[in-house]
Amino acid sequence: MSASRNNMVWKIKSFDQLSADELYKILQARVDVFVVEQHCPYPELDGYDQSALHLWAETDDEVSAYCRIFPPGIKYDEASIGRVLTKKNFRGLNLGKNLVKLALNTIEARYKITSVRISAQDYLLKFYGDFGFLDSGKKYLEDDIPHTEMLRP
C-alpha cells in the first residue's frame, strides 16, 4: 500500500469521545507495532487510556500514526506522551515528526506548560533529542526493550 498526505486526517480526542470503531483501530495499530512487529508480548491495555488524549493520523480509514498525551500528574509530575508509533506501511512520510510536534503543541496549548517527560526506546534517543528532549540518565529494560527516561524542560 502506498500512502500520501492527500487523504490523511489528524484527530485528537479524549477517551470518552472515541467511537468504538476509532478505539478498535487505535488498539489494532498499537498491537500491530508494539506486540507483533516488536515481538513483545506485554499488557497493552494498561489502564491509562481513559486518562489520555489520543492523537492520531488516519489515512484511508487506517490509523497511520498515533500517540497518547497525558496531563501532569498521571504518568509523571510533568506532562507526557507515550505509545508513539507510525505503522510500518506509512513510514518515510515524516509522520512521526509531525505527530510529536502536534503532541508538544497540544501540551503547550492545553496545559500551558512545556515540560514533558517520556520513556523512549533507546534507538529513538536522537529522534526525541531533535525535539529538545534530554537523556535523564535513567536507563531500564521495559518488556525486554532498552528504554531511557527523557525530559524536555
N, C-alpha and C. Protein backbone atom coordinates (compact mmCIF):
# COMPACT_ATOMS: atom_id res chain seq x y z
N MET A 1 0.84 -1.18 0.00
CA MET A 1 0.00 0.00 0.00
C MET A 1 0.88 1.24 0.00
N SER A 2 0.61 2.15 -0.88
CA SER A 2 1.34 3.40 -0.85
C SER A 2 0.45 4.45 -0.22
N ALA A 3 1.03 5.30 0.58
CA ALA A 3 0.25 6.31 1.29
C ALA A 3 0.74 7.69 0.90
N SER A 4 -0.15 8.62 0.91
CA SER A 4 0.22 10.01 0.70
C SER A 4 -0.50 10.86 1.73
N ARG A 5 -0.09 12.11 1.82
CA ARG A 5 -0.72 13.01 2.78
C ARG A 5 -2.05 13.54 2.26
N ASN A 6 -2.35 13.32 1.00
CA ASN A 6 -3.57 13.88 0.42
C ASN A 6 -4.83 13.35 1.07
N ASN A 7 -4.81 12.12 1.53
CA ASN A 7 -6.00 11.51 2.12
C ASN A 7 -5.80 11.24 3.60
N MET A 8 -5.05 12.12 4.27
CA MET A 8 -4.73 11.95 5.68
C MET A 8 -5.49 12.99 6.51
N VAL A 9 -6.02 12.55 7.64
CA VAL A 9 -6.73 13.42 8.56
C VAL A 9 -6.15 13.22 9.95
N TRP A 10 -5.84 14.34 10.64
CA TRP A 10 -5.36 14.27 12.02
C TRP A 10 -6.55 14.43 12.95
N LYS A 11 -6.56 13.62 14.03
CA LYS A 11 -7.65 13.66 15.00
C LYS A 11 -7.07 13.68 16.41
N ILE A 12 -7.79 14.33 17.33
CA ILE A 12 -7.42 14.30 18.74
C ILE A 12 -8.71 14.22 19.54
N LYS A 13 -8.77 13.24 20.44
CA LYS A 13 -9.99 13.03 21.23
C LYS A 13 -9.62 12.48 22.61
N SER A 14 -10.48 12.79 23.56
CA SER A 14 -10.37 12.13 24.87
C SER A 14 -10.92 10.71 24.71
N PHE A 15 -10.69 9.89 25.69
CA PHE A 15 -11.17 8.51 25.65
C PHE A 15 -12.69 8.47 25.46
N ASP A 16 -13.40 9.30 26.21
CA ASP A 16 -14.86 9.31 26.15
C ASP A 16 -15.40 9.77 24.80
N GLN A 17 -14.60 10.50 24.04
CA GLN A 17 -15.03 10.98 22.72
C GLN A 17 -14.79 9.96 21.60
N LEU A 18 -13.97 8.95 21.88
CA LEU A 18 -13.65 7.95 20.85
C LEU A 18 -14.87 7.09 20.55
N SER A 19 -15.08 6.84 19.27
CA SER A 19 -16.11 5.86 18.89
C SER A 19 -15.53 4.47 19.11
N ALA A 20 -16.38 3.49 19.14
CA ALA A 20 -15.91 2.11 19.28
C ALA A 20 -15.00 1.74 18.11
N ASP A 21 -15.35 2.18 16.91
CA ASP A 21 -14.55 1.90 15.72
C ASP A 21 -13.17 2.56 15.82
N GLU A 22 -13.12 3.82 16.28
CA GLU A 22 -11.84 4.51 16.42
C GLU A 22 -10.97 3.81 17.46
N LEU A 23 -11.54 3.46 18.60
CA LEU A 23 -10.78 2.77 19.64
C LEU A 23 -10.24 1.45 19.12
N TYR A 24 -11.05 0.70 18.39
CA TYR A 24 -10.61 -0.56 17.82
C TYR A 24 -9.41 -0.36 16.91
N LYS A 25 -9.50 0.63 16.00
CA LYS A 25 -8.40 0.87 15.05
C LYS A 25 -7.13 1.32 15.77
N ILE A 26 -7.28 2.12 16.82
CA ILE A 26 -6.12 2.56 17.61
C ILE A 26 -5.46 1.37 18.29
N LEU A 27 -6.26 0.55 18.96
CA LEU A 27 -5.69 -0.62 19.66
C LEU A 27 -5.08 -1.59 18.66
N GLN A 28 -5.70 -1.74 17.50
CA GLN A 28 -5.13 -2.61 16.47
C GLN A 28 -3.76 -2.11 16.02
N ALA A 29 -3.63 -0.80 15.82
CA ALA A 29 -2.34 -0.23 15.41
C ALA A 29 -1.30 -0.44 16.51
N ARG A 30 -1.67 -0.22 17.75
CA ARG A 30 -0.72 -0.40 18.85
C ARG A 30 -0.27 -1.84 18.97
N VAL A 31 -1.19 -2.77 18.86
CA VAL A 31 -0.82 -4.19 18.94
C VAL A 31 0.04 -4.57 17.73
N ASP A 32 -0.33 -4.10 16.54
CA ASP A 32 0.46 -4.41 15.34
C ASP A 32 1.91 -3.97 15.50
N VAL A 33 2.14 -2.77 16.04
CA VAL A 33 3.50 -2.26 16.16
C VAL A 33 4.22 -2.79 17.40
N PHE A 34 3.63 -2.63 18.57
CA PHE A 34 4.35 -2.92 19.81
C PHE A 34 4.36 -4.40 20.18
N VAL A 35 3.34 -5.14 19.84
CA VAL A 35 3.28 -6.55 20.21
C VAL A 35 3.78 -7.43 19.07
N VAL A 36 3.20 -7.27 17.88
CA VAL A 36 3.53 -8.15 16.76
C VAL A 36 4.88 -7.77 16.13
N GLU A 37 5.00 -6.52 15.65
CA GLU A 37 6.22 -6.12 14.95
C GLU A 37 7.46 -6.18 15.84
N GLN A 38 7.31 -5.74 17.10
CA GLN A 38 8.47 -5.72 18.00
C GLN A 38 8.59 -7.02 18.81
N HIS A 39 7.77 -8.02 18.48
CA HIS A 39 7.83 -9.33 19.15
C HIS A 39 7.85 -9.17 20.67
N CYS A 40 6.89 -8.43 21.19
CA CYS A 40 6.91 -8.09 22.60
C CYS A 40 5.54 -8.32 23.24
N PRO A 41 5.33 -9.53 23.76
CA PRO A 41 4.06 -9.75 24.44
C PRO A 41 4.05 -9.00 25.77
N TYR A 42 3.12 -8.08 25.91
CA TYR A 42 3.01 -7.31 27.14
C TYR A 42 1.57 -6.84 27.27
N PRO A 43 1.16 -6.40 28.45
CA PRO A 43 -0.22 -5.96 28.65
C PRO A 43 -0.47 -4.59 28.01
N GLU A 44 -0.89 -4.59 26.77
CA GLU A 44 -1.13 -3.35 26.02
C GLU A 44 -2.20 -2.49 26.69
N LEU A 45 -3.22 -3.11 27.23
CA LEU A 45 -4.28 -2.36 27.91
C LEU A 45 -3.85 -2.16 29.36
N ASP A 46 -3.30 -0.98 29.63
CA ASP A 46 -2.62 -0.73 30.90
C ASP A 46 -3.40 0.13 31.89
N GLY A 47 -4.65 0.47 31.55
CA GLY A 47 -5.46 1.27 32.46
C GLY A 47 -5.25 2.77 32.35
N TYR A 48 -4.41 3.21 31.42
CA TYR A 48 -4.14 4.65 31.27
C TYR A 48 -4.91 5.30 30.11
N ASP A 49 -5.49 4.52 29.23
CA ASP A 49 -6.17 5.10 28.07
C ASP A 49 -7.28 6.08 28.47
N GLN A 50 -7.96 5.77 29.56
CA GLN A 50 -9.07 6.62 30.00
C GLN A 50 -8.61 8.01 30.44
N SER A 51 -7.35 8.16 30.82
CA SER A 51 -6.80 9.44 31.29
C SER A 51 -6.07 10.20 30.19
N ALA A 52 -6.00 9.64 29.01
CA ALA A 52 -5.18 10.20 27.93
C ALA A 52 -6.01 10.95 26.90
N LEU A 53 -5.32 11.88 26.23
CA LEU A 53 -5.81 12.39 24.96
C LEU A 53 -5.20 11.48 23.90
N HIS A 54 -5.96 11.15 22.89
CA HIS A 54 -5.48 10.27 21.84
C HIS A 54 -5.33 11.09 20.57
N LEU A 55 -4.11 11.13 20.04
CA LEU A 55 -3.79 11.90 18.85
C LEU A 55 -3.36 10.93 17.77
N TRP A 56 -4.00 11.03 16.59
CA TRP A 56 -3.61 10.11 15.54
C TRP A 56 -3.89 10.69 14.16
N ALA A 57 -3.16 10.12 13.20
CA ALA A 57 -3.40 10.39 11.78
C ALA A 57 -4.13 9.19 11.22
N GLU A 58 -5.13 9.46 10.41
CA GLU A 58 -5.88 8.40 9.76
C GLU A 58 -5.71 8.58 8.26
N THR A 59 -5.31 7.51 7.60
CA THR A 59 -5.11 7.53 6.16
C THR A 59 -5.93 6.39 5.55
N ASP A 60 -6.82 6.73 4.65
CA ASP A 60 -7.69 5.72 4.04
C ASP A 60 -8.35 4.84 5.10
N ASP A 61 -8.88 5.48 6.14
CA ASP A 61 -9.62 4.79 7.21
C ASP A 61 -8.75 3.85 8.06
N GLU A 62 -7.43 4.07 8.03
CA GLU A 62 -6.50 3.26 8.83
C GLU A 62 -5.66 4.20 9.69
N VAL A 63 -5.42 3.82 10.94
CA VAL A 63 -4.54 4.61 11.79
C VAL A 63 -3.13 4.48 11.24
N SER A 64 -2.51 5.61 10.87
CA SER A 64 -1.17 5.57 10.29
C SER A 64 -0.10 6.02 11.29
N ALA A 65 -0.47 6.89 12.23
CA ALA A 65 0.44 7.33 13.30
C ALA A 65 -0.42 7.62 14.51
N TYR A 66 0.17 7.49 15.71
CA TYR A 66 -0.62 7.59 16.93
C TYR A 66 0.27 7.89 18.13
N CYS A 67 -0.30 8.58 19.12
CA CYS A 67 0.32 8.68 20.44
C CYS A 67 -0.74 9.04 21.48
N ARG A 68 -0.39 8.79 22.74
CA ARG A 68 -1.21 9.22 23.87
C ARG A 68 -0.55 10.43 24.50
N ILE A 69 -1.36 11.35 24.98
CA ILE A 69 -0.88 12.55 25.65
C ILE A 69 -1.49 12.57 27.05
N PHE A 70 -0.62 12.80 28.06
CA PHE A 70 -1.10 12.84 29.44
C PHE A 70 -0.81 14.18 30.08
N PRO A 71 -1.77 14.70 30.84
CA PRO A 71 -1.50 15.92 31.60
C PRO A 71 -0.53 15.61 32.73
N PRO A 72 0.02 16.64 33.35
CA PRO A 72 0.90 16.42 34.51
C PRO A 72 0.17 15.62 35.59
N GLY A 73 0.94 14.76 36.28
CA GLY A 73 0.40 14.04 37.42
C GLY A 73 -0.22 12.69 37.11
N ILE A 74 -0.24 12.28 35.85
CA ILE A 74 -0.80 10.97 35.52
C ILE A 74 0.32 9.92 35.44
N LYS A 75 1.24 10.10 34.52
CA LYS A 75 2.37 9.17 34.39
C LYS A 75 3.59 9.70 35.14
N TYR A 76 3.79 11.01 35.07
CA TYR A 76 4.92 11.69 35.70
C TYR A 76 4.40 13.00 36.30
N ASP A 77 5.25 13.69 37.04
CA ASP A 77 4.89 15.02 37.54
C ASP A 77 4.66 15.97 36.37
N GLU A 78 5.42 15.76 35.29
CA GLU A 78 5.29 16.58 34.09
C GLU A 78 4.23 15.95 33.17
N ALA A 79 3.85 16.69 32.14
CA ALA A 79 3.03 16.10 31.07
C ALA A 79 3.88 15.02 30.38
N SER A 80 3.23 14.14 29.66
CA SER A 80 3.99 13.10 28.96
C SER A 80 3.26 12.64 27.70
N ILE A 81 4.04 12.04 26.83
CA ILE A 81 3.48 11.38 25.66
C ILE A 81 3.99 9.95 25.65
N GLY A 82 3.22 9.07 25.06
CA GLY A 82 3.62 7.67 25.01
C GLY A 82 2.89 6.92 23.91
N ARG A 83 3.25 5.66 23.76
CA ARG A 83 2.70 4.79 22.72
C ARG A 83 2.83 5.46 21.35
N VAL A 84 3.95 6.13 21.15
CA VAL A 84 4.20 6.85 19.89
C VAL A 84 4.52 5.82 18.80
N LEU A 85 3.77 5.87 17.71
CA LEU A 85 4.01 4.90 16.65
C LEU A 85 3.68 5.47 15.28
N THR A 86 4.34 4.92 14.30
CA THR A 86 3.96 5.07 12.90
C THR A 86 3.88 3.65 12.35
N LYS A 87 2.74 3.31 11.77
CA LYS A 87 2.60 1.95 11.22
C LYS A 87 3.59 1.75 10.08
N LYS A 88 4.06 0.53 9.97
CA LYS A 88 5.14 0.18 9.05
C LYS A 88 4.89 0.67 7.62
N ASN A 89 3.68 0.51 7.12
CA ASN A 89 3.40 0.88 5.73
C ASN A 89 3.24 2.38 5.52
N PHE A 90 3.43 3.17 6.60
CA PHE A 90 3.34 4.63 6.48
C PHE A 90 4.65 5.32 6.88
N ARG A 91 5.70 4.55 7.10
CA ARG A 91 6.98 5.15 7.48
C ARG A 91 7.63 5.81 6.28
N GLY A 92 8.47 6.80 6.56
CA GLY A 92 9.15 7.52 5.49
C GLY A 92 8.38 8.75 5.02
N LEU A 93 7.27 9.06 5.67
CA LEU A 93 6.46 10.23 5.30
C LEU A 93 6.57 11.35 6.34
N ASN A 94 7.51 11.21 7.29
CA ASN A 94 7.69 12.18 8.38
C ASN A 94 6.49 12.27 9.31
N LEU A 95 5.67 11.24 9.35
CA LEU A 95 4.51 11.25 10.24
C LEU A 95 4.93 11.30 11.70
N GLY A 96 6.00 10.58 12.05
CA GLY A 96 6.47 10.58 13.44
C GLY A 96 6.85 11.98 13.90
N LYS A 97 7.58 12.69 13.05
CA LYS A 97 7.97 14.07 13.39
C LYS A 97 6.75 14.96 13.53
N ASN A 98 5.83 14.86 12.60
CA ASN A 98 4.61 15.67 12.68
C ASN A 98 3.78 15.31 13.91
N LEU A 99 3.73 14.03 14.23
CA LEU A 99 2.99 13.56 15.41
C LEU A 99 3.55 14.16 16.69
N VAL A 100 4.88 14.08 16.86
CA VAL A 100 5.49 14.61 18.08
C VAL A 100 5.32 16.13 18.15
N LYS A 101 5.49 16.82 17.02
CA LYS A 101 5.27 18.28 17.01
C LYS A 101 3.85 18.62 17.45
N LEU A 102 2.86 17.91 16.90
CA LEU A 102 1.47 18.15 17.27
C LEU A 102 1.22 17.82 18.74
N ALA A 103 1.82 16.75 19.23
CA ALA A 103 1.65 16.38 20.64
C ALA A 103 2.22 17.47 21.55
N LEU A 104 3.42 17.96 21.24
CA LEU A 104 4.04 19.01 22.06
C LEU A 104 3.24 20.30 21.97
N ASN A 105 2.75 20.64 20.79
CA ASN A 105 1.91 21.83 20.64
C ASN A 105 0.62 21.70 21.44
N THR A 106 0.05 20.50 21.45
CA THR A 106 -1.17 20.25 22.21
C THR A 106 -0.93 20.42 23.70
N ILE A 107 0.19 19.90 24.19
CA ILE A 107 0.54 20.04 25.61
C ILE A 107 0.68 21.51 25.97
N GLU A 108 1.39 22.26 25.14
CA GLU A 108 1.58 23.69 25.42
C GLU A 108 0.25 24.44 25.40
N ALA A 109 -0.61 24.13 24.43
CA ALA A 109 -1.89 24.84 24.30
C ALA A 109 -2.88 24.46 25.40
N ARG A 110 -2.98 23.18 25.72
CA ARG A 110 -4.00 22.73 26.69
C ARG A 110 -3.57 22.88 28.14
N TYR A 111 -2.29 22.62 28.41
CA TYR A 111 -1.83 22.60 29.80
C TYR A 111 -0.97 23.80 30.15
N LYS A 112 -0.64 24.64 29.15
CA LYS A 112 0.14 25.87 29.35
C LYS A 112 1.50 25.59 29.98
N ILE A 113 2.11 24.48 29.56
CA ILE A 113 3.45 24.10 30.04
C ILE A 113 4.27 23.57 28.87
N THR A 114 5.59 23.53 29.05
CA THR A 114 6.45 22.97 28.02
C THR A 114 7.23 21.76 28.52
N SER A 115 7.22 21.53 29.83
CA SER A 115 7.97 20.42 30.41
C SER A 115 7.25 19.10 30.16
N VAL A 116 7.97 18.17 29.48
CA VAL A 116 7.39 16.88 29.10
C VAL A 116 8.41 15.79 29.40
N ARG A 117 7.96 14.72 30.04
CA ARG A 117 8.83 13.56 30.34
C ARG A 117 8.30 12.36 29.56
N ILE A 118 9.23 11.59 28.99
CA ILE A 118 8.85 10.40 28.22
C ILE A 118 9.73 9.22 28.60
N SER A 119 9.26 8.05 28.22
CA SER A 119 10.04 6.82 28.30
C SER A 119 10.32 6.42 26.86
N ALA A 120 11.56 6.62 26.41
CA ALA A 120 11.89 6.42 25.00
C ALA A 120 12.65 5.11 24.78
N GLN A 121 12.28 4.39 23.73
CA GLN A 121 13.09 3.25 23.34
C GLN A 121 14.44 3.81 22.89
N ASP A 122 15.52 3.13 23.31
CA ASP A 122 16.86 3.68 23.11
C ASP A 122 17.21 3.99 21.65
N TYR A 123 16.67 3.25 20.70
CA TYR A 123 17.02 3.53 19.32
C TYR A 123 16.41 4.85 18.83
N LEU A 124 15.53 5.46 19.64
CA LEU A 124 14.89 6.72 19.26
C LEU A 124 15.43 7.93 20.03
N LEU A 125 16.54 7.77 20.75
CA LEU A 125 17.07 8.87 21.56
C LEU A 125 17.40 10.10 20.71
N LYS A 126 18.02 9.91 19.56
CA LYS A 126 18.35 11.06 18.70
C LYS A 126 17.07 11.69 18.16
N PHE A 127 16.12 10.87 17.75
CA PHE A 127 14.84 11.38 17.25
C PHE A 127 14.21 12.34 18.27
N TYR A 128 14.09 11.90 19.52
CA TYR A 128 13.49 12.75 20.55
C TYR A 128 14.41 13.91 20.93
N GLY A 129 15.72 13.69 20.85
CA GLY A 129 16.67 14.76 21.12
C GLY A 129 16.47 15.94 20.19
N ASP A 130 16.06 15.66 18.96
CA ASP A 130 15.80 16.73 17.99
C ASP A 130 14.63 17.63 18.40
N PHE A 131 13.81 17.16 19.33
CA PHE A 131 12.68 17.95 19.85
C PHE A 131 13.01 18.60 21.19
N GLY A 132 14.28 18.52 21.61
CA GLY A 132 14.68 19.15 22.87
C GLY A 132 14.63 18.23 24.08
N PHE A 133 14.36 16.95 23.87
CA PHE A 133 14.36 16.00 24.99
C PHE A 133 15.80 15.67 25.37
N LEU A 134 16.07 15.62 26.67
CA LEU A 134 17.40 15.32 27.18
C LEU A 134 17.39 13.99 27.91
N ASP A 135 18.46 13.24 27.75
CA ASP A 135 18.64 11.96 28.43
C ASP A 135 18.77 12.22 29.92
N SER A 136 17.89 11.64 30.73
CA SER A 136 17.91 11.85 32.18
C SER A 136 18.96 10.98 32.87
N GLY A 137 19.50 10.02 32.12
CA GLY A 137 20.45 9.08 32.72
C GLY A 137 19.76 7.85 33.30
N LYS A 138 18.44 7.88 33.40
CA LYS A 138 17.69 6.74 33.93
C LYS A 138 17.41 5.77 32.79
N LYS A 139 18.13 4.65 32.81
CA LYS A 139 18.01 3.64 31.76
C LYS A 139 17.47 2.35 32.37
N TYR A 140 16.64 1.65 31.62
CA TYR A 140 16.00 0.46 32.16
C TYR A 140 15.46 -0.39 31.02
N LEU A 141 15.16 -1.64 31.34
CA LEU A 141 14.50 -2.53 30.40
C LEU A 141 13.01 -2.48 30.68
N GLU A 142 12.25 -2.25 29.65
CA GLU A 142 10.80 -2.31 29.76
C GLU A 142 10.34 -3.33 28.74
N ASP A 143 9.78 -4.43 29.22
CA ASP A 143 9.36 -5.52 28.35
C ASP A 143 10.52 -6.00 27.47
N ASP A 144 11.71 -6.10 28.10
CA ASP A 144 12.94 -6.56 27.44
C ASP A 144 13.43 -5.64 26.33
N ILE A 145 12.97 -4.40 26.29
CA ILE A 145 13.44 -3.42 25.31
C ILE A 145 14.13 -2.29 26.08
N PRO A 146 15.40 -1.95 25.71
CA PRO A 146 16.10 -0.87 26.40
C PRO A 146 15.39 0.47 26.23
N HIS A 147 15.15 1.14 27.35
CA HIS A 147 14.49 2.44 27.38
C HIS A 147 15.33 3.43 28.16
N THR A 148 15.10 4.71 27.91
CA THR A 148 15.71 5.80 28.65
C THR A 148 14.63 6.82 28.95
N GLU A 149 14.60 7.28 30.20
CA GLU A 149 13.68 8.35 30.54
C GLU A 149 14.30 9.66 30.02
N MET A 150 13.48 10.45 29.33
CA MET A 150 13.94 11.70 28.75
C MET A 150 13.04 12.84 29.22
N LEU A 151 13.64 14.03 29.37
CA LEU A 151 12.89 15.20 29.82
C LEU A 151 13.11 16.35 28.85
N ARG A 152 12.02 16.98 28.51
CA ARG A 152 12.08 18.23 27.73
C ARG A 152 11.72 19.33 28.71
N PRO A 153 12.75 20.08 29.17
CA PRO A 153 12.49 21.07 30.22
C PRO A 153 11.65 22.25 29.74
